[in-house]
Amino acid sequence: EPDQPTLDKVLAAATKGYAKPEIAKIRNVRKSLAVNGSGYCGEITVEDAVETYTTFHVLLDTPSGPSVLRLSDFKTPESDPQAATVHQMMRNFGCIK
């Protein structure tokens, strides 16, 4: 389990773009398989449905600052090629099976 300062950074990155990041909750946070070592997988509440969780992957250290991918930001892989790529990345990072 990551320490509290790391969890705080992961939460800040995972809520990027949320209008009310202070109400978001994260769970099941763990190191990902990202090669740079700064990646974390977990689940975060969906902004429009605070009791619904979606899988995310955060990279804390990138040249442009922390980045996040949330599955809820994409359509189903069957209907959207970009979503299919994101799902494959999430599998590669060890976030989903």
Protein backbone atom coordinates (compact mmCIF):
# COMPACT_ATOMS: atom_id res chain seq x y z
CA GLU A 1 0.00 0.00 0.00
CA PRO A 2 1.39 3.44 -0.93
CA ASP A 3 2.12 5.91 1.87
CA GLN A 4 -0.22 8.85 2.53
CA PRO A 5 1.83 11.50 0.69
CA THR A 6 1.87 9.24 -2.40
CA LEU A 7 -1.87 8.57 -2.10
CA ASP A 8 -2.46 12.35 -1.93
CA LYS A 9 -0.46 12.82 -5.16
CA VAL A 10 -2.31 9.94 -6.84
CA LEU A 11 -5.69 11.41 -5.82
CA ALA A 12 -4.71 14.86 -7.12
CA ALA A 13 -3.65 13.38 -10.45
CA ALA A 14 -6.62 11.01 -10.73
CA THR A 15 -9.10 13.88 -10.24
CA LYS A 16 -7.52 16.00 -12.98
CA GLY A 17 -10.38 17.73 -14.79
CA TYR A 18 -12.96 17.10 -12.05
CA ALA A 19 -15.05 20.15 -11.16
CA LYS A 20 -15.18 19.03 -7.49
CA PRO A 21 -12.08 16.93 -6.84
CA GLU A 22 -12.53 17.27 -3.08
CA ILE A 23 -15.52 14.89 -3.09
CA ALA A 24 -13.80 12.13 -5.06
CA LYS A 25 -12.73 8.90 -3.36
CA ILE A 26 -10.08 6.41 -4.41
CA ARG A 27 -9.59 2.78 -3.46
CA ASN A 28 -7.45 -0.25 -4.32
CA VAL A 29 -4.42 1.91 -5.17
CA ARG A 30 -1.30 -0.07 -6.06
CA LYS A 31 1.89 0.27 -8.09
CA SER A 32 1.37 -0.41 -11.77
CA LEU A 33 3.66 -2.17 -14.23
CA ALA A 34 4.61 1.13 -15.93
CA VAL A 35 8.29 1.01 -16.87
CA ASN A 36 9.20 4.39 -15.37
CA GLY A 37 8.15 3.21 -11.89
CA SER A 38 5.87 6.19 -11.18
CA GLY A 39 2.60 4.54 -12.22
CA TYR A 40 -0.33 3.63 -9.99
CA CYS A 41 -3.57 1.77 -10.70
CA GLY A 42 -6.71 2.10 -8.69
CA GLU A 43 -10.37 3.01 -8.73
CA ILE A 44 -11.88 6.46 -8.39
CA THR A 45 -15.44 7.66 -8.04
CA VAL A 46 -16.97 8.89 -11.28
CA GLU A 47 -17.62 12.62 -11.00
CA ASP A 48 -21.26 12.48 -12.13
CA ALA A 49 -22.03 9.34 -10.06
CA VAL A 50 -20.15 9.51 -6.76
CA GLU A 51 -21.12 5.97 -5.72
CA THR A 52 -19.79 4.51 -8.99
CA TYR A 53 -16.10 3.68 -9.35
CA THR A 54 -13.99 3.49 -12.50
CA THR A 55 -10.48 2.15 -13.01
CA PHE A 56 -7.68 4.68 -13.45
CA HIS A 57 -3.97 4.72 -14.17
CA VAL A 58 -1.81 7.63 -13.05
CA LEU A 59 1.78 8.44 -13.99
CA LEU A 60 3.14 10.81 -11.36
CA ASP A 61 6.41 11.67 -13.13
CA THR A 62 6.16 12.77 -16.75
CA PRO A 63 7.85 15.72 -18.50
CA SER A 64 4.52 17.60 -18.51
CA GLY A 65 3.51 16.66 -14.97
CA PRO A 66 1.18 13.94 -13.68
CA SER A 67 -1.15 12.29 -16.18
CA VAL A 68 -4.26 10.15 -15.79
CA LEU A 69 -6.32 7.72 -17.82
CA ARG A 70 -9.81 6.88 -16.54
CA LEU A 71 -11.85 4.14 -18.21
CA SER A 72 -15.04 6.16 -17.68
CA ASP A 73 -13.67 8.86 -20.01
CA PHE A 74 -13.91 6.47 -22.99
CA LYS A 75 -16.68 4.55 -24.73
CA THR A 76 -16.70 0.78 -24.96
CA PRO A 77 -13.72 -0.80 -26.76
CA GLU A 78 -16.09 -2.38 -29.28
CA SER A 79 -17.39 1.01 -30.46
CA ASP A 80 -14.29 3.19 -30.21
CA PRO A 81 -10.76 2.34 -31.42
CA GLN A 82 -9.25 4.84 -28.97
CA ALA A 83 -11.07 3.12 -26.11
CA ALA A 84 -9.71 -0.23 -27.29
CA THR A 85 -6.18 1.23 -27.08
CA VAL A 86 -6.83 2.60 -23.58
CA HIS A 87 -8.17 -0.78 -22.41
CA GLN A 88 -5.05 -2.48 -23.80
CA MET A 89 -2.83 0.05 -22.01
CA MET A 90 -4.72 -0.60 -18.76
CA ARG A 91 -4.11 -4.34 -19.20
CA ASN A 92 -0.43 -3.72 -19.92
CA PHE A 93 -0.16 -1.58 -16.77
CA GLY A 94 -1.81 -4.37 -14.74
CA CYS A 95 -4.86 -2.26 -13.87
CA ILE A 96 -7.44 -4.56 -15.50
CA LYS A 97 -7.47 -8.17 -16.65
